[in-house]
PDB file of N, CA and C in Angstrom:
ATOM      1  N   MET A   1      -7.624  -0.759   3.298  1.00  0.00           N
ATOM      2  CA  MET A   1      -8.927  -0.616   3.900  1.00  0.00           C
ATOM      3  C   MET A   1      -9.694   0.450   3.130  1.00  0.00           C
ATOM      4  N   GLN A   2     -10.870   0.089   2.669  1.00  0.00           N
ATOM      5  CA  GLN A   2     -11.729   1.025   1.958  1.00  0.00           C
ATOM      6  C   GLN A   2     -12.741   1.611   2.935  1.00  0.00           C
ATOM      7  N   VAL A   3     -13.015   2.897   2.797  1.00  0.00           N
ATOM      8  CA  VAL A   3     -14.003   3.543   3.660  1.00  0.00           C
ATOM      9  C   VAL A   3     -15.013   4.292   2.809  1.00  0.00           C
ATOM     10  N   SER A   4     -16.209   4.444   3.353  1.00  0.00           N
ATOM     11  CA  SER A   4     -17.245   5.217   2.675  1.00  0.00           C
ATOM     12  C   SER A   4     -16.922   6.699   2.801  1.00  0.00           C
ATOM     13  N   SER A   5     -17.771   7.514   2.238  1.00  0.00           N
ATOM     14  CA  SER A   5     -17.577   8.953   2.389  1.00  0.00           C
ATOM     15  C   SER A   5     -17.759   9.343   3.854  1.00  0.00           C
ATOM     16  N   SER A   6     -17.205  10.458   4.204  1.00  0.00           N
ATOM     17  CA  SER A   6     -17.280  10.938   5.581  1.00  0.00           C
ATOM     18  C   SER A   6     -18.655  11.527   5.857  1.00  0.00           C
ATOM     19  N   THR A   7     -19.135  11.308   7.073  1.00  0.00           N
ATOM     20  CA  THR A   7     -20.409  11.887   7.483  1.00  0.00           C
ATOM     21  C   THR A   7     -20.238  12.579   8.830  1.00  0.00           C
ATOM     22  N   ALA A   8     -21.076  13.556   9.061  1.00  0.00           N
ATOM     23  CA  ALA A   8     -21.026  14.299  10.322  1.00  0.00           C
ATOM     24  C   ALA A   8     -21.495  13.412  11.467  1.00  0.00           C
ATOM     25  N   LEU A   9     -21.015  13.714  12.665  1.00  0.00           N
ATOM     26  CA  LEU A   9     -21.453  12.988  13.848  1.00  0.00           C
ATOM     27  C   LEU A   9     -22.794  13.529  14.328  1.00  0.00           C
ATOM     28  N   SER A  10     -23.583  12.653  14.940  1.00  0.00           N
ATOM     29  CA  SER A  10     -24.821  13.105  15.580  1.00  0.00           C
ATOM     30  C   SER A  10     -24.446  13.912  16.822  1.00  0.00           C
ATOM     31  N   TYR A  11     -25.419  14.579  17.420  1.00  0.00           N
ATOM     32  CA  TYR A  11     -25.132  15.348  18.634  1.00  0.00           C
ATOM     33  C   TYR A  11     -24.627  14.437  19.750  1.00  0.00           C
ATOM     34  N   SER A  12     -25.208  13.256  19.870  1.00  0.00           N
ATOM     35  CA  SER A  12     -24.764  12.308  20.904  1.00  0.00           C
ATOM     36  C   SER A  12     -23.340  11.842  20.649  1.00  0.00           C
ATOM     37  N   GLN A  13     -23.025  11.550  19.388  1.00  0.00           N
ATOM     38  CA  GLN A  13     -21.663  11.143  19.043  1.00  0.00           C
ATOM     39  C   GLN A  13     -20.675  12.276  19.296  1.00  0.00           C
ATOM     40  N   GLN A  14     -21.082  13.508  18.984  1.00  0.00           N
ATOM     41  CA  GLN A  14     -20.207  14.650  19.252  1.00  0.00           C
ATOM     42  C   GLN A  14     -19.922  14.779  20.745  1.00  0.00           C
ATOM     43  N   ALA A  15     -20.934  14.549  21.571  1.00  0.00           N
ATOM     44  CA  ALA A  15     -20.748  14.634  23.023  1.00  0.00           C
ATOM     45  C   ALA A  15     -19.754  13.575  23.496  1.00  0.00           C
ATOM     46  N   LEU A  16     -19.888  12.358  22.999  1.00  0.00           N
ATOM     47  CA  LEU A  16     -18.953  11.296  23.374  1.00  0.00           C
ATOM     48  C   LEU A  16     -17.548  11.594  22.865  1.00  0.00           C
ATOM     49  N   TRP A  17     -17.463  12.166  21.677  1.00  0.00           N
ATOM     50  CA  TRP A  17     -16.155  12.538  21.123  1.00  0.00           C
ATOM     51  C   TRP A  17     -15.474  13.565  22.032  1.00  0.00           C
ATOM     52  N   PHE A  18     -16.236  14.551  22.476  1.00  0.00           N
ATOM     53  CA  PHE A  18     -15.687  15.580  23.361  1.00  0.00           C
ATOM     54  C   PHE A  18     -15.205  14.959  24.670  1.00  0.00           C
ATOM     55  N   ILE A  19     -15.997  14.077  25.240  1.00  0.00           N
ATOM     56  CA  ILE A  19     -15.600  13.400  26.482  1.00  0.00           C
ATOM     57  C   ILE A  19     -14.304  12.627  26.263  1.00  0.00           C
ATOM     58  N   TYR A  20     -14.209  11.933  25.134  1.00  0.00           N
ATOM     59  CA  TYR A  20     -12.981  11.192  24.817  1.00  0.00           C
ATOM     60  C   TYR A  20     -11.785  12.137  24.706  1.00  0.00           C
ATOM     61  N   ARG A  21     -11.971  13.259  24.047  1.00  0.00           N
ATOM     62  CA  ARG A  21     -10.864  14.212  23.863  1.00  0.00           C
ATOM     63  C   ARG A  21     -10.372  14.752  25.202  1.00  0.00           C
ATOM     64  N   GLU A  22     -11.275  14.892  26.166  1.00  0.00           N
ATOM     65  CA  GLU A  22     -10.902  15.397  27.487  1.00  0.00           C
ATOM     66  C   GLU A  22     -10.205  14.335  28.335  1.00  0.00           C
ATOM     67  N   ALA A  23     -10.537  13.067  28.120  1.00  0.00           N
ATOM     68  CA  ALA A  23      -9.959  11.976  28.924  1.00  0.00           C
ATOM     69  C   ALA A  23      -9.764  10.743  28.047  1.00  0.00           C
ATOM     70  N   PRO A  24      -8.783  10.773  27.135  1.00  0.00           N
ATOM     71  CA  PRO A  24      -8.627   9.681  26.166  1.00  0.00           C
ATOM     72  C   PRO A  24      -8.289   8.319  26.770  1.00  0.00           C
ATOM     73  N   LYS A  25      -7.767   8.288  27.978  1.00  0.00           N
ATOM     74  CA  LYS A  25      -7.419   7.004  28.587  1.00  0.00           C
ATOM     75  C   LYS A  25      -8.541   6.441  29.459  1.00  0.00           C
ATOM     76  N   SER A  26      -9.636   7.162  29.566  1.00  0.00           N
ATOM     77  CA  SER A  26     -10.757   6.702  30.383  1.00  0.00           C
ATOM     78  C   SER A  26     -11.439   5.503  29.720  1.00  0.00           C
ATOM     79  N   ALA A  27     -11.826   4.547  30.524  1.00  0.00           N
ATOM     80  CA  ALA A  27     -12.556   3.376  30.031  1.00  0.00           C
ATOM     81  C   ALA A  27     -14.049   3.493  30.334  1.00  0.00           C
ATOM     82  N   ALA A  28     -14.509   4.698  30.613  1.00  0.00           N
ATOM     83  CA  ALA A  28     -15.894   4.907  31.045  1.00  0.00           C
ATOM     84  C   ALA A  28     -16.916   4.394  30.034  1.00  0.00           C
ATOM     85  N   TYR A  29     -16.629   4.472  28.753  1.00  0.00           N
ATOM     86  CA  TYR A  29     -17.604   4.062  27.753  1.00  0.00           C
ATOM     87  C   TYR A  29     -17.188   2.789  27.019  1.00  0.00           C
ATOM     88  N   ASN A  30     -16.211   2.072  27.548  1.00  0.00           N
ATOM     89  CA  ASN A  30     -15.841   0.771  26.997  1.00  0.00           C
ATOM     90  C   ASN A  30     -16.711  -0.287  27.650  1.00  0.00           C
ATOM     91  N   MET A  31     -17.203  -1.197  26.852  1.00  0.00           N
ATOM     92  CA  MET A  31     -18.082  -2.229  27.389  1.00  0.00           C
ATOM     93  C   MET A  31     -17.526  -3.607  27.039  1.00  0.00           C
ATOM     94  N   ALA A  32     -17.104  -4.337  28.049  1.00  0.00           N
ATOM     95  CA  ALA A  32     -16.637  -5.709  27.851  1.00  0.00           C
ATOM     96  C   ALA A  32     -17.828  -6.650  27.986  1.00  0.00           C
ATOM     97  N   LEU A  33     -17.818  -7.696  27.207  1.00  0.00           N
ATOM     98  CA  LEU A  33     -18.915  -8.648  27.247  1.00  0.00           C
ATOM     99  C   LEU A  33     -18.348 -10.062  27.249  1.00  0.00           C
ATOM    100  N   PRO A  34     -18.219 -10.666  28.407  1.00  0.00           N
ATOM    101  CA  PRO A  34     -17.739 -12.052  28.433  1.00  0.00           C
ATOM    102  C   PRO A  34     -18.861 -12.993  27.996  1.00  0.00           C
ATOM    103  N   LEU A  35     -18.492 -14.026  27.284  1.00  0.00           N
ATOM    104  CA  LEU A  35     -19.465 -15.017  26.826  1.00  0.00           C
ATOM    105  C   LEU A  35     -19.044 -16.397  27.308  1.00  0.00           C
ATOM    106  N   TRP A  36     -20.004 -17.166  27.776  1.00  0.00           N
ATOM    107  CA  TRP A  36     -19.762 -18.552  28.147  1.00  0.00           C
ATOM    108  C   TRP A  36     -20.706 -19.414  27.331  1.00  0.00           C
ATOM    109  N   PHE A  37     -20.185 -20.488  26.797  1.00  0.00           N
ATOM    110  CA  PHE A  37     -20.981 -21.403  25.995  1.00  0.00           C
ATOM    111  C   PHE A  37     -21.017 -22.764  26.671  1.00  0.00           C
ATOM    112  N   ALA A  38     -22.190 -23.353  26.716  1.00  0.00           N
ATOM    113  CA  ALA A  38     -22.318 -24.711  27.236  1.00  0.00           C
ATOM    114  C   ALA A  38     -22.052 -25.679  26.086  1.00  0.00           C
ATOM    115  N   GLY A  39     -21.165 -26.614  26.288  1.00  0.00           N
ATOM    116  CA  GLY A  39     -20.858 -27.582  25.243  1.00  0.00           C
ATOM    117  C   GLY A  39     -19.777 -27.090  24.308  1.00  0.00           C
ATOM    118  N   ASP A  40     -19.579 -27.847  23.257  1.00  0.00           N
ATOM    119  CA  ASP A  40     -18.540 -27.533  22.274  1.00  0.00           C
ATOM    120  C   ASP A  40     -18.981 -26.375  21.380  1.00  0.00           C
ATOM    121  N   VAL A  41     -18.020 -25.578  20.969  1.00  0.00           N
ATOM    122  CA  VAL A  41     -18.278 -24.446  20.080  1.00  0.00           C
ATOM    123  C   VAL A  41     -17.475 -24.656  18.808  1.00  0.00           C
ATOM    124  N   ASP A  42     -18.152 -24.532  17.678  1.00  0.00           N
ATOM    125  CA  ASP A  42     -17.477 -24.599  16.387  1.00  0.00           C
ATOM    126  C   ASP A  42     -16.918 -23.208  16.107  1.00  0.00           C
ATOM    127  N   GLY A  43     -15.611 -23.057  16.242  1.00  0.00           N
ATOM    128  CA  GLY A  43     -14.970 -21.755  16.081  1.00  0.00           C
ATOM    129  C   GLY A  43     -15.236 -21.116  14.735  1.00  0.00           C
ATOM    130  N   GLN A  44     -15.256 -21.927  13.685  1.00  0.00           N
ATOM    131  CA  GLN A  44     -15.491 -21.390  12.344  1.00  0.00           C
ATOM    132  C   GLN A  44     -16.913 -20.830  12.224  1.00  0.00           C
ATOM    133  N   LEU A  45     -17.894 -21.549  12.753  1.00  0.00           N
ATOM    134  CA  LEU A  45     -19.274 -21.051  12.709  1.00  0.00           C
ATOM    135  C   LEU A  45     -19.437 -19.790  13.548  1.00  0.00           C
ATOM    136  N   LEU A  46     -18.774 -19.740  14.696  1.00  0.00           N
ATOM    137  CA  LEU A  46     -18.828 -18.543  15.534  1.00  0.00           C
ATOM    138  C   LEU A  46     -18.220 -17.352  14.798  1.00  0.00           C
ATOM    139  N   GLN A  47     -17.089 -17.575  14.140  1.00  0.00           N
ATOM    140  CA  GLN A  47     -16.445 -16.505  13.380  1.00  0.00           C
ATOM    141  C   GLN A  47     -17.357 -16.023  12.252  1.00  0.00           C
ATOM    142  N   GLN A  48     -18.008 -16.939  11.556  1.00  0.00           N
ATOM    143  CA  GLN A  48     -18.927 -16.562  10.477  1.00  0.00           C
ATOM    144  C   GLN A  48     -20.111 -15.756  11.015  1.00  0.00           C
ATOM    145  N   ALA A  49     -20.630 -16.155  12.168  1.00  0.00           N
ATOM    146  CA  ALA A  49     -21.766 -15.443  12.759  1.00  0.00           C
ATOM    147  C   ALA A  49     -21.378 -14.016  13.135  1.00  0.00           C
ATOM    148  N   VAL A  50     -20.206 -13.859  13.729  1.00  0.00           N
ATOM    149  CA  VAL A  50     -19.746 -12.518  14.103  1.00  0.00           C
ATOM    150  C   VAL A  50     -19.511 -11.683  12.849  1.00  0.00           C
ATOM    151  N   GLN A  51     -18.935 -12.286  11.811  1.00  0.00           N
ATOM    152  CA  GLN A  51     -18.697 -11.572  10.558  1.00  0.00           C
ATOM    153  C   GLN A  51     -20.011 -11.079   9.956  1.00  0.00           C
ATOM    154  N   ARG A  52     -21.034 -11.915   9.971  1.00  0.00           N
ATOM    155  CA  ARG A  52     -22.340 -11.506   9.438  1.00  0.00           C
ATOM    156  C   ARG A  52     -22.947 -10.375  10.258  1.00  0.00           C
ATOM    157  N   LEU A  53     -22.763 -10.440  11.556  1.00  0.00           N
ATOM    158  CA  LEU A  53     -23.248  -9.373  12.434  1.00  0.00           C
ATOM    159  C   LEU A  53     -22.575  -8.048  12.086  1.00  0.00           C
ATOM    160  N   VAL A  54     -21.268  -8.084  11.884  1.00  0.00           N
ATOM    161  CA  VAL A  54     -20.508  -6.882  11.534  1.00  0.00           C
ATOM    162  C   VAL A  54     -20.936  -6.361  10.165  1.00  0.00           C
ATOM    163  N   GLU A  55     -21.166  -7.261   9.217  1.00  0.00           N
ATOM    164  CA  GLU A  55     -21.605  -6.843   7.886  1.00  0.00           C
ATOM    165  C   GLU A  55     -22.987  -6.200   7.933  1.00  0.00           C
ATOM    166  N   ARG A  56     -23.856  -6.697   8.794  1.00  0.00           N
ATOM    167  CA  ARG A  56     -25.232  -6.208   8.871  1.00  0.00           C
ATOM    168  C   ARG A  56     -25.338  -4.839   9.538  1.00  0.00           C
ATOM    169  N   HIS A  57     -24.484  -4.576  10.518  1.00  0.00           N
ATOM    170  CA  HIS A  57     -24.591  -3.351  11.309  1.00  0.00           C
ATOM    171  C   HIS A  57     -23.383  -2.448  11.062  1.00  0.00           C
ATOM    172  N   SER A  58     -23.592  -1.404  10.278  1.00  0.00           N
ATOM    173  CA  SER A  58     -22.484  -0.532   9.873  1.00  0.00           C
ATOM    174  C   SER A  58     -21.778   0.126  11.053  1.00  0.00           C
ATOM    175  N   MET A  59     -22.466   0.338  12.161  1.00  0.00           N
ATOM    176  CA  MET A  59     -21.815   0.969  13.312  1.00  0.00           C
ATOM    177  C   MET A  59     -20.667   0.105  13.835  1.00  0.00           C
ATOM    178  N   LEU A  60     -20.758  -1.206  13.631  1.00  0.00           N
ATOM    179  CA  LEU A  60     -19.681  -2.097  14.063  1.00  0.00           C
ATOM    180  C   LEU A  60     -18.471  -2.010  13.133  1.00  0.00           C
ATOM    181  N   ARG A  61     -18.640  -1.311  12.006  1.00  0.00           N
ATOM    182  CA  ARG A  61     -17.535  -1.097  11.066  1.00  0.00           C
ATOM    183  C   ARG A  61     -17.153   0.373  10.967  1.00  0.00           C
ATOM    184  N   SER A  62     -17.607   1.160  11.908  1.00  0.00           N
ATOM    185  CA  SER A  62     -17.372   2.604  11.854  1.00  0.00           C
ATOM    186  C   SER A  62     -16.124   3.002  12.612  1.00  0.00           C
ATOM    187  N   ARG A  63     -15.533   4.052  12.131  1.00  0.00           N
ATOM    188  CA  ARG A  63     -14.398   4.649  12.835  1.00  0.00           C
ATOM    189  C   ARG A  63     -14.605   6.156  12.837  1.00  0.00           C
ATOM    190  N   PHE A  64     -13.971   6.793  13.788  1.00  0.00           N
ATOM    191  CA  PHE A  64     -14.105   8.231  13.931  1.00  0.00           C
ATOM    192  C   PHE A  64     -12.740   8.866  13.761  1.00  0.00           C
ATOM    193  N   ALA A  65     -12.722   9.971  13.066  1.00  0.00           N
ATOM    194  CA  ALA A  65     -11.475  10.689  12.808  1.00  0.00           C
ATOM    195  C   ALA A  65     -11.749  12.178  12.985  1.00  0.00           C
ATOM    196  N   GLU A  66     -10.710  12.947  12.827  1.00  0.00           N
ATOM    197  CA  GLU A  66     -10.821  14.390  13.022  1.00  0.00           C
ATOM    198  C   GLU A  66     -10.041  15.082  11.913  1.00  0.00           C
ATOM    199  N   LEU A  67     -10.624  16.113  11.354  1.00  0.00           N
ATOM    200  CA  LEU A  67      -9.964  16.913  10.326  1.00  0.00           C
ATOM    201  C   LEU A  67     -10.144  18.376  10.693  1.00  0.00           C
ATOM    202  N   ASP A  68      -9.040  19.065  10.886  1.00  0.00           N
ATOM    203  CA  ASP A  68      -9.065  20.478  11.278  1.00  0.00           C
ATOM    204  C   ASP A  68      -9.926  20.712  12.522  1.00  0.00           C
ATOM    205  N   GLY A  69      -9.825  19.790  13.474  1.00  0.00           N
ATOM    206  CA  GLY A  69     -10.550  19.929  14.730  1.00  0.00           C
ATOM    207  C   GLY A  69     -12.010  19.521  14.688  1.00  0.00           C
ATOM    208  N   VAL A  70     -12.476  19.037  13.541  1.00  0.00           N
ATOM    209  CA  VAL A  70     -13.878  18.633  13.400  1.00  0.00           C
ATOM    210  C   VAL A  70     -13.949  17.109  13.285  1.00  0.00           C
ATOM    211  N   PRO A  71     -14.662  16.446  14.207  1.00  0.00           N
ATOM    212  CA  PRO A  71     -14.766  14.993  14.130  1.00  0.00           C
ATOM    213  C   PRO A  71     -15.765  14.568  13.050  1.00  0.00           C
ATOM    214  N   TYR A  72     -15.513  13.409  12.464  1.00  0.00           N
ATOM    215  CA  TYR A  72     -16.426  12.849  11.472  1.00  0.00           C
ATOM    216  C   TYR A  72     -16.376  11.327  11.557  1.00  0.00           C
ATOM    217  N   GLN A  73     -17.308  10.698  10.889  1.00  0.00           N
ATOM    218  CA  GLN A  73     -17.449   9.246  10.920  1.00  0.00           C
ATOM    219  C   GLN A  73     -17.213   8.671   9.535  1.00  0.00           C
ATOM    220  N   GLN A  74     -16.572   7.521   9.490  1.00  0.00           N
ATOM    221  CA  GLN A  74     -16.409   6.774   8.249  1.00  0.00           C
ATOM    222  C   GLN A  74     -16.798   5.328   8.518  1.00  0.00           C
ATOM    223  N   VAL A  75     -17.391   4.683   7.510  1.00  0.00           N
ATOM    224  CA  VAL A  75     -17.732   3.274   7.613  1.00  0.00           C
ATOM    225  C   VAL A  75     -16.765   2.493   6.739  1.00  0.00           C
ATOM    226  N   VAL A  76     -16.099   1.506   7.324  1.00  0.00           N
ATOM    227  CA  VAL A  76     -15.177   0.652   6.579  1.00  0.00           C
ATOM    228  C   VAL A  76     -16.012  -0.280   5.710  1.00  0.00           C
ATOM    229  N   THR A  77     -15.692  -0.342   4.423  1.00  0.00           N
ATOM    230  CA  THR A  77     -16.504  -1.126   3.493  1.00  0.00           C
ATOM    231  C   THR A  77     -15.903  -2.471   3.132  1.00  0.00           C
ATOM    232  N   ASP A  78     -14.680  -2.739   3.518  1.00  0.00           N
ATOM    233  CA  ASP A  78     -14.108  -4.068   3.231  1.00  0.00           C
ATOM    234  C   ASP A  78     -13.345  -4.604   4.405  1.00  0.00           C
TER     235      ASP A  78
END
């Protein structure tokens, strides 16, 4: 897995990181989204659409890590 250079978190991201560190098993900020489709769904086309969405929006490819107690963000590039 290739990642971009590390970047600092925004103030909002830092706040969420702190909340996570205090309660890592909490599902308070997890969002489930059920989808229902009318009619037949072409699984391959759906997979391609989701892949394009992920490629377009870097936040969907982001991960957060911590180094020496300081959180940072990385974007997965592949």
